[in-house]
Amino acid sequence: MAKIRVEVVLALPSEQRVVAVELEEGATAADAVRASGFREGFVALGTFGRKIPPQTRLKDGDRVELLRALATDPKEARRRRARRR
């Protein structure tokens, strides 16, 4: 079976970790995360800025992003900024 190469990315406040993994064709986003060695620190997966389910099949060159929980609700952050002005 053919191989595909994808990147798995974890962006932290102080650094960005990128791991390139090689998987069998037909592999899923969950397979890529397992192969990357990242175990925690994320709540969802994405690719190219869009949220995806773990069972999403990947293509050669895809980038799987490990999404962290938001520190603050964006609406609440806007309200706070508006109050300060």
PDB file of N, CA and C in Angstrom:
ATOM      1  N   MET A   1       0.852  -1.188   0.000  1.00  0.00           N
ATOM      2  CA  MET A   1       0.000   0.000   0.000  1.00  0.00           C
ATOM      3  C   MET A   1       0.891   1.243   0.000  1.00  0.00           C
ATOM      4  N   ALA A   2       0.419   2.312  -0.616  1.00  0.00           N
ATOM      5  CA  ALA A   2       1.184   3.555  -0.727  1.00  0.00           C
ATOM      6  C   ALA A   2       1.246   4.278   0.612  1.00  0.00           C
ATOM      7  N   LYS A   3       2.250   5.099   0.767  1.00  0.00           N
ATOM      8  CA  LYS A   3       2.443   5.881   1.987  1.00  0.00           C
ATOM      9  C   LYS A   3       2.069   7.337   1.721  1.00  0.00           C
ATOM     10  N   ILE A   4       1.622   8.023   2.776  1.00  0.00           N
ATOM     11  CA  ILE A   4       1.384   9.462   2.717  1.00  0.00           C
ATOM     12  C   ILE A   4       2.200  10.115   3.822  1.00  0.00           C
ATOM     13  N   ARG A   5       2.540  11.367   3.612  1.00  0.00           N
ATOM     14  CA  ARG A   5       3.301  12.109   4.608  1.00  0.00           C
ATOM     15  C   ARG A   5       2.454  13.299   5.043  1.00  0.00           C
ATOM     16  N   VAL A   6       2.249  13.435   6.335  1.00  0.00           N
ATOM     17  CA  VAL A   6       1.465  14.546   6.885  1.00  0.00           C
ATOM     18  C   VAL A   6       2.215  15.170   8.061  1.00  0.00           C
ATOM     19  N   GLU A   7       1.850  16.402   8.387  1.00  0.00           N
ATOM     20  CA  GLU A   7       2.416  17.075   9.547  1.00  0.00           C
ATOM     21  C   GLU A   7       1.368  17.126  10.645  1.00  0.00           C
ATOM     22  N   VAL A   8       1.811  16.951  11.882  1.00  0.00           N
ATOM     23  CA  VAL A   8       0.949  17.105  13.052  1.00  0.00           C
ATOM     24  C   VAL A   8       1.525  18.278  13.835  1.00  0.00           C
ATOM     25  N   VAL A   9       0.672  19.263  14.138  1.00  0.00           N
ATOM     26  CA  VAL A   9       1.137  20.509  14.745  1.00  0.00           C
ATOM     27  C   VAL A   9       0.423  20.756  16.072  1.00  0.00           C
ATOM     28  N   LEU A  10       1.221  21.107  17.086  1.00  0.00           N
ATOM     29  CA  LEU A  10       0.684  21.523  18.382  1.00  0.00           C
ATOM     30  C   LEU A  10       1.252  22.908  18.666  1.00  0.00           C
ATOM     31  N   ALA A  11       0.388  23.916  18.697  1.00  0.00           N
ATOM     32  CA  ALA A  11       0.825  25.286  18.981  1.00  0.00           C
ATOM     33  C   ALA A  11       0.565  25.586  20.450  1.00  0.00           C
ATOM     34  N   LEU A  12       1.627  25.861  21.163  1.00  0.00           N
ATOM     35  CA  LEU A  12       1.550  26.221  22.575  1.00  0.00           C
ATOM     36  C   LEU A  12       1.814  27.714  22.712  1.00  0.00           C
ATOM     37  N   PRO A  13       1.502  28.322  23.853  1.00  0.00           N
ATOM     38  CA  PRO A  13       1.732  29.758  24.004  1.00  0.00           C
ATOM     39  C   PRO A  13       3.182  30.172  23.750  1.00  0.00           C
ATOM     40  N   SER A  14       4.128  29.331  24.103  1.00  0.00           N
ATOM     41  CA  SER A  14       5.535  29.715  23.980  1.00  0.00           C
ATOM     42  C   SER A  14       6.274  29.052  22.818  1.00  0.00           C
ATOM     43  N   GLU A  15       5.668  28.077  22.183  1.00  0.00           N
ATOM     44  CA  GLU A  15       6.352  27.385  21.093  1.00  0.00           C
ATOM     45  C   GLU A  15       5.357  26.648  20.199  1.00  0.00           C
ATOM     46  N   GLN A  16       5.857  26.237  19.031  1.00  0.00           N
ATOM     47  CA  GLN A  16       5.060  25.421  18.120  1.00  0.00           C
ATOM     48  C   GLN A  16       5.833  24.135  17.868  1.00  0.00           C
ATOM     49  N   ARG A  17       5.169  23.013  18.044  1.00  0.00           N
ATOM     50  CA  ARG A  17       5.806  21.717  17.799  1.00  0.00           C
ATOM     51  C   ARG A  17       5.215  21.118  16.530  1.00  0.00           C
ATOM     52  N   VAL A  18       6.081  20.730  15.615  1.00  0.00           N
ATOM     53  CA  VAL A  18       5.658  20.142  14.342  1.00  0.00           C
ATOM     54  C   VAL A  18       6.361  18.800  14.191  1.00  0.00           C
ATOM     55  N   VAL A  19       5.569  17.762  13.915  1.00  0.00           N
ATOM     56  CA  VAL A  19       6.119  16.419  13.694  1.00  0.00           C
ATOM     57  C   VAL A  19       5.606  15.918  12.353  1.00  0.00           C
ATOM     58  N   ALA A  20       6.521  15.516  11.482  1.00  0.00           N
ATOM     59  CA  ALA A  20       6.140  14.911  10.208  1.00  0.00           C
ATOM     60  C   ALA A  20       6.049  13.405  10.416  1.00  0.00           C
ATOM     61  N   VAL A  21       4.950  12.821   9.978  1.00  0.00           N
ATOM     62  CA  VAL A  21       4.771  11.366  10.121  1.00  0.00           C
ATOM     63  C   VAL A  21       4.435  10.772   8.761  1.00  0.00           C
ATOM     64  N   GLU A  22       4.832   9.524   8.578  1.00  0.00           N
ATOM     65  CA  GLU A  22       4.518   8.789   7.364  1.00  0.00           C
ATOM     66  C   GLU A  22       3.535   7.686   7.729  1.00  0.00           C
ATOM     67  N   LEU A  23       2.423   7.636   7.005  1.00  0.00           N
ATOM     68  CA  LEU A  23       1.340   6.702   7.319  1.00  0.00           C
ATOM     69  C   LEU A  23       0.917   5.954   6.065  1.00  0.00           C
ATOM     70  N   GLU A  24       0.191   4.884   6.268  1.00  0.00           N
ATOM     71  CA  GLU A  24      -0.392   4.154   5.141  1.00  0.00           C
ATOM     72  C   GLU A  24      -1.504   4.991   4.516  1.00  0.00           C
ATOM     73  N   GLU A  25      -1.664   4.888   3.225  1.00  0.00           N
ATOM     74  CA  GLU A  25      -2.761   5.569   2.546  1.00  0.00           C
ATOM     75  C   GLU A  25      -4.082   5.120   3.172  1.00  0.00           C
ATOM     76  N   GLY A  26      -5.005   6.059   3.394  1.00  0.00           N
ATOM     77  CA  GLY A  26      -6.270   5.743   4.042  1.00  0.00           C
ATOM     78  C   GLY A  26      -6.244   5.980   5.540  1.00  0.00           C
ATOM     79  N   ALA A  27      -5.112   6.450   6.064  1.00  0.00           N
ATOM     80  CA  ALA A  27      -4.989   6.716   7.500  1.00  0.00           C
ATOM     81  C   ALA A  27      -5.890   7.890   7.901  1.00  0.00           C
ATOM     82  N   THR A  28      -6.255   7.919   9.162  1.00  0.00           N
ATOM     83  CA  THR A  28      -7.134   8.969   9.679  1.00  0.00           C
ATOM     84  C   THR A  28      -6.341   9.987  10.496  1.00  0.00           C
ATOM     85  N   ALA A  29      -7.012  11.086  10.841  1.00  0.00           N
ATOM     86  CA  ALA A  29      -6.397  12.117  11.681  1.00  0.00           C
ATOM     87  C   ALA A  29      -5.996  11.514  13.033  1.00  0.00           C
ATOM     88  N   ALA A  30      -6.812  10.629  13.581  1.00  0.00           N
ATOM     89  CA  ALA A  30      -6.482   9.977  14.854  1.00  0.00           C
ATOM     90  C   ALA A  30      -5.210   9.133  14.719  1.00  0.00           C
ATOM     91  N   ASP A  31      -5.037   8.466  13.582  1.00  0.00           N
ATOM     92  CA  ASP A  31      -3.824   7.685  13.338  1.00  0.00           C
ATOM     93  C   ASP A  31      -2.598   8.597  13.339  1.00  0.00           C
ATOM     94  N   ALA A  32      -2.733   9.762  12.719  1.00  0.00           N
ATOM     95  CA  ALA A  32      -1.622  10.715  12.650  1.00  0.00           C
ATOM     96  C   ALA A  32      -1.246  11.212  14.042  1.00  0.00           C
ATOM     97  N   VAL A  33      -2.241  11.486  14.874  1.00  0.00           N
ATOM     98  CA  VAL A  33      -1.969  11.957  16.236  1.00  0.00           C
ATOM     99  C   VAL A  33      -1.242  10.874  17.024  1.00  0.00           C
ATOM    100  N   ARG A  34      -1.706   9.635  16.913  1.00  0.00           N
ATOM    101  CA  ARG A  34      -1.035   8.527  17.604  1.00  0.00           C
ATOM    102  C   ARG A  34       0.419   8.396  17.150  1.00  0.00           C
ATOM    103  N   ALA A  35       0.647   8.499  15.844  1.00  0.00           N
ATOM    104  CA  ALA A  35       1.997   8.352  15.296  1.00  0.00           C
ATOM    105  C   ALA A  35       2.905   9.519  15.701  1.00  0.00           C
ATOM    106  N   SER A  36       2.318  10.679  15.979  1.00  0.00           N
ATOM    107  CA  SER A  36       3.116  11.863  16.322  1.00  0.00           C
ATOM    108  C   SER A  36       3.709  11.782  17.717  1.00  0.00           C
ATOM    109  N   GLY A  37       3.046  11.033  18.597  1.00  0.00           N
ATOM    110  CA  GLY A  37       3.509  10.944  19.980  1.00  0.00           C
ATOM    111  C   GLY A  37       2.888  11.988  20.895  1.00  0.00           C
ATOM    112  N   PHE A  38       2.115  12.923  20.357  1.00  0.00           N
ATOM    113  CA  PHE A  38       1.423  13.894  21.205  1.00  0.00           C
ATOM    114  C   PHE A  38       0.296  13.170  21.930  1.00  0.00           C
ATOM    115  N   ARG A  39       0.222  13.334  23.234  1.00  0.00           N
ATOM    116  CA  ARG A  39      -0.770  12.591  24.012  1.00  0.00           C
ATOM    117  C   ARG A  39      -1.845  13.478  24.625  1.00  0.00           C
ATOM    118  N   GLU A  40      -1.489  14.698  24.972  1.00  0.00           N
ATOM    119  CA  GLU A  40      -2.473  15.558  25.633  1.00  0.00           C
ATOM    120  C   GLU A  40      -2.201  17.013  25.293  1.00  0.00           C
ATOM    121  N   GLY A  41      -3.057  17.874  25.773  1.00  0.00           N
ATOM    122  CA  GLY A  41      -2.900  19.294  25.518  1.00  0.00           C
ATOM    123  C   GLY A  41      -3.793  19.799  24.404  1.00  0.00           C
ATOM    124  N   PHE A  42      -4.722  18.952  23.933  1.00  0.00           N
ATOM    125  CA  PHE A  42      -5.627  19.403  22.875  1.00  0.00           C
ATOM    126  C   PHE A  42      -7.031  18.858  23.125  1.00  0.00           C
ATOM    127  N   VAL A  43      -8.016  19.563  22.596  1.00  0.00           N
ATOM    128  CA  VAL A  43      -9.411  19.154  22.796  1.00  0.00           C
ATOM    129  C   VAL A  43     -10.107  18.786  21.494  1.00  0.00           C
ATOM    130  N   ALA A  44      -9.511  19.182  20.358  1.00  0.00           N
ATOM    131  CA  ALA A  44     -10.120  18.900  19.053  1.00  0.00           C
ATOM    132  C   ALA A  44      -9.022  18.859  18.003  1.00  0.00           C
ATOM    133  N   LEU A  45      -9.406  18.432  16.799  1.00  0.00           N
ATOM    134  CA  LEU A  45      -8.474  18.366  15.676  1.00  0.00           C
ATOM    135  C   LEU A  45      -8.945  19.285  14.566  1.00  0.00           C
ATOM    136  N   GLY A  46      -8.005  19.762  13.780  1.00  0.00           N
ATOM    137  CA  GLY A  46      -8.329  20.596  12.641  1.00  0.00           C
ATOM    138  C   GLY A  46      -7.341  20.343  11.525  1.00  0.00           C
ATOM    139  N   THR A  47      -7.690  20.805  10.345  1.00  0.00           N
ATOM    140  CA  THR A  47      -6.756  20.781   9.230  1.00  0.00           C
ATOM    141  C   THR A  47      -6.968  22.044   8.422  1.00  0.00           C
ATOM    142  N   PHE A  48      -5.889  22.748   8.178  1.00  0.00           N
ATOM    143  CA  PHE A  48      -5.926  24.013   7.446  1.00  0.00           C
ATOM    144  C   PHE A  48      -6.974  24.966   8.020  1.00  0.00           C
ATOM    145  N   GLY A  49      -7.031  25.041   9.358  1.00  0.00           N
ATOM    146  CA  GLY A  49      -7.903  25.994  10.037  1.00  0.00           C
ATOM    147  C   GLY A  49      -9.351  25.574  10.212  1.00  0.00           C
ATOM    148  N   ARG A  50      -9.717  24.392   9.801  1.00  0.00           N
ATOM    149  CA  ARG A  50     -11.104  23.913   9.954  1.00  0.00           C
ATOM    150  C   ARG A  50     -11.145  22.693  10.862  1.00  0.00           C
ATOM    151  N   LYS A  51     -12.118  22.688  11.754  1.00  0.00           N
ATOM    152  CA  LYS A  51     -12.281  21.578  12.692  1.00  0.00           C
ATOM    153  C   LYS A  51     -12.674  20.310  11.926  1.00  0.00           C
ATOM    154  N   ILE A  52     -12.096  19.166  12.333  1.00  0.00           N
ATOM    155  CA  ILE A  52     -12.400  17.891  11.677  1.00  0.00           C
ATOM    156  C   ILE A  52     -12.611  16.809  12.732  1.00  0.00           C
ATOM    157  N   PRO A  53     -13.397  15.787  12.417  1.00  0.00           N
ATOM    158  CA  PRO A  53     -13.532  14.651  13.337  1.00  0.00           C
ATOM    159  C   PRO A  53     -12.291  13.757  13.238  1.00  0.00           C
ATOM    160  N   PRO A  54     -11.976  13.017  14.298  1.00  0.00           N
ATOM    161  CA  PRO A  54     -10.784  12.152  14.305  1.00  0.00           C
ATOM    162  C   PRO A  54     -10.773  11.099  13.196  1.00  0.00           C
ATOM    163  N   GLN A  55     -11.936  10.693  12.707  1.00  0.00           N
ATOM    164  CA  GLN A  55     -11.991   9.642  11.684  1.00  0.00           C
ATOM    165  C   GLN A  55     -11.812  10.178  10.261  1.00  0.00           C
ATOM    166  N   THR A  56     -11.483  11.450  10.104  1.00  0.00           N
ATOM    167  CA  THR A  56     -11.266  12.049   8.783  1.00  0.00           C
ATOM    168  C   THR A  56     -10.070  11.390   8.101  1.00  0.00           C
ATOM    169  N   ARG A  57     -10.270  10.929   6.876  1.00  0.00           N
ATOM    170  CA  ARG A  57      -9.192  10.335   6.088  1.00  0.00           C
ATOM    171  C   ARG A  57      -8.264  11.447   5.601  1.00  0.00           C
ATOM    172  N   LEU A  58      -6.976  11.197   5.660  1.00  0.00           N
ATOM    173  CA  LEU A  58      -5.987  12.200   5.274  1.00  0.00           C
ATOM    174  C   LEU A  58      -5.439  11.930   3.886  1.00  0.00           C
ATOM    175  N   LYS A  59      -4.926  13.010   3.274  1.00  0.00           N
ATOM    176  CA  LYS A  59      -4.263  12.921   1.980  1.00  0.00           C
ATOM    177  C   LYS A  59      -2.815  13.340   2.166  1.00  0.00           C
ATOM    178  N   ASP A  60      -1.977  12.954   1.239  1.00  0.00           N
ATOM    179  CA  ASP A  60      -0.571  13.330   1.281  1.00  0.00           C
ATOM    180  C   ASP A  60      -0.452  14.850   1.345  1.00  0.00           C
ATOM    181  N   GLY A  61       0.353  15.346   2.277  1.00  0.00           N
ATOM    182  CA  GLY A  61       0.566  16.785   2.416  1.00  0.00           C
ATOM    183  C   GLY A  61      -0.368  17.480   3.378  1.00  0.00           C
ATOM    184  N   ASP A  62      -1.338  16.760   3.958  1.00  0.00           N
ATOM    185  CA  ASP A  62      -2.253  17.385   4.930  1.00  0.00           C
ATOM    186  C   ASP A  62      -1.489  17.809   6.182  1.00  0.00           C
ATOM    187  N   ARG A  63      -2.088  18.739   6.904  1.00  0.00           N
ATOM    188  CA  ARG A  63      -1.538  19.250   8.164  1.00  0.00           C
ATOM    189  C   ARG A  63      -2.622  19.082   9.217  1.00  0.00           C
ATOM    190  N   VAL A  64      -2.373  18.258  10.217  1.00  0.00           N
ATOM    191  CA  VAL A  64      -3.335  18.030  11.294  1.00  0.00           C
ATOM    192  C   VAL A  64      -2.961  18.947  12.449  1.00  0.00           C
ATOM    193  N   GLU A  65      -3.890  19.805  12.840  1.00  0.00           N
ATOM    194  CA  GLU A  65      -3.648  20.761  13.918  1.00  0.00           C
ATOM    195  C   GLU A  65      -4.342  20.287  15.187  1.00  0.00           C
ATOM    196  N   LEU A  66      -3.605  20.265  16.286  1.00  0.00           N
ATOM    197  CA  LEU A  66      -4.170  19.895  17.575  1.00  0.00           C
ATOM    198  C   LEU A  66      -4.667  21.181  18.226  1.00  0.00           C
ATOM    199  N   LEU A  67      -5.972  21.285  18.406  1.00  0.00           N
ATOM    200  CA  LEU A  67      -6.588  22.516  18.890  1.00  0.00           C
ATOM    201  C   LEU A  67      -6.745  22.487  20.402  1.00  0.00           C
ATOM    202  N   ARG A  68      -6.292  23.553  21.052  1.00  0.00           N
ATOM    203  CA  ARG A  68      -6.392  23.667  22.508  1.00  0.00           C
ATOM    204  C   ARG A  68      -7.692  24.377  22.876  1.00  0.00           C
ATOM    205  N   ALA A  69      -8.093  24.229  24.105  1.00  0.00           N
ATOM    206  CA  ALA A  69      -9.276  24.938  24.601  1.00  0.00           C
ATOM    207  C   ALA A  69      -8.970  26.432  24.656  1.00  0.00           C
ATOM    208  N   LEU A  70      -9.972  27.245  24.418  1.00  0.00           N
ATOM    209  CA  LEU A  70      -9.802  28.693  24.503  1.00  0.00           C
ATOM    210  C   LEU A  70      -9.641  29.101  25.956  1.00  0.00           C
ATOM    211  N   ALA A  71      -8.730  30.018  26.221  1.00  0.00           N
ATOM    212  CA  ALA A  71      -8.519  30.510  27.578  1.00  0.00           C
ATOM    213  C   ALA A  71      -9.687  31.392  28.012  1.00  0.00           C
ATOM    214  N   THR A  72     -10.240  32.135  27.068  1.00  0.00           N
ATOM    215  CA  THR A  72     -11.358  33.036  27.346  1.00  0.00           C
ATOM    216  C   THR A  72     -12.353  32.960  26.197  1.00  0.00           C
ATOM    217  N   ASP A  73     -13.620  33.039  26.508  1.00  0.00           N
ATOM    218  CA  ASP A  73     -14.651  33.087  25.486  1.00  0.00           C
ATOM    219  C   ASP A  73     -14.449  34.354  24.658  1.00  0.00           C
ATOM    220  N   PRO A  74     -14.370  34.270  23.315  1.00  0.00           N
ATOM    221  CA  PRO A  74     -14.134  35.452  22.483  1.00  0.00           C
ATOM    222  C   PRO A  74     -15.163  36.569  22.690  1.00  0.00           C
ATOM    223  N   LYS A  75     -16.422  36.214  22.900  1.00  0.00           N
ATOM    224  CA  LYS A  75     -17.451  37.241  23.126  1.00  0.00           C
ATOM    225  C   LYS A  75     -17.192  37.988  24.432  1.00  0.00           C
ATOM    226  N   GLU A  76     -16.816  37.242  25.459  1.00  0.00           N
ATOM    227  CA  GLU A  76     -16.529  37.871  26.748  1.00  0.00           C
ATOM    228  C   GLU A  76     -15.297  38.767  26.656  1.00  0.00           C
ATOM    229  N   ALA A  77     -14.295  38.342  25.928  1.00  0.00           N
ATOM    230  CA  ALA A  77     -13.090  39.158  25.750  1.00  0.00           C
ATOM    231  C   ALA A  77     -13.427  40.478  25.051  1.00  0.00           C
ATOM    232  N   ARG A  78     -14.295  40.437  24.057  1.00  0.00           N
ATOM    233  CA  ARG A  78     -14.722  41.677  23.369  1.00  0.00           C
ATOM    234  C   ARG A  78     -15.473  42.596  24.317  1.00  0.00           C
ATOM    235  N   ARG A  79     -16.341  42.013  25.140  1.00  0.00           N
ATOM    236  CA  ARG A  79     -17.087  42.836  26.113  1.00  0.00           C
ATOM    237  C   ARG A  79     -16.132  43.546  27.073  1.00  0.00           C
ATOM    238  N   ARG A  80     -15.140  42.827  27.552  1.00  0.00           N
ATOM    239  CA  ARG A  80     -14.167  43.433  28.478  1.00  0.00           C
ATOM    240  C   ARG A  80     -13.401  44.565  27.813  1.00  0.00           C
ATOM    241  N   ARG A  81     -12.973  44.355  26.568  1.00  0.00           N
ATOM    242  CA  ARG A  81     -12.259  45.413  25.861  1.00  0.00           C
ATOM    243  C   ARG A  81     -13.151  46.631  25.650  1.00  0.00           C
ATOM    244  N   ALA A  82     -14.418  46.406  25.341  1.00  0.00           N
ATOM    245  CA  ALA A  82     -15.349  47.516  25.112  1.00  0.00           C
ATOM    246  C   ALA A  82     -15.568  48.304  26.402  1.00  0.00           C
ATOM    247  N   ARG A  83     -15.658  47.613  27.538  1.00  0.00           N
ATOM    248  CA  ARG A  83     -15.846  48.286  28.818  1.00  0.00           C
ATOM    249  C   ARG A  83     -14.642  49.165  29.176  1.00  0.00           C
ATOM    250  N   ARG A  84     -13.441  48.721  28.816  1.00  0.00           N
ATOM    251  CA  ARG A  84     -12.241  49.483  29.143  1.00  0.00           C
ATOM    252  C   ARG A  84     -12.124  50.772  28.321  1.00  0.00           C
ATOM    253  N   ARG A  85     -12.768  50.841  27.192  1.00  0.00           N
ATOM    254  CA  ARG A  85     -12.660  52.037  26.315  1.00  0.00           C
ATOM    255  C   ARG A  85     -13.531  53.132  26.774  1.00  0.00           C
TER     256      ARG A  85
END
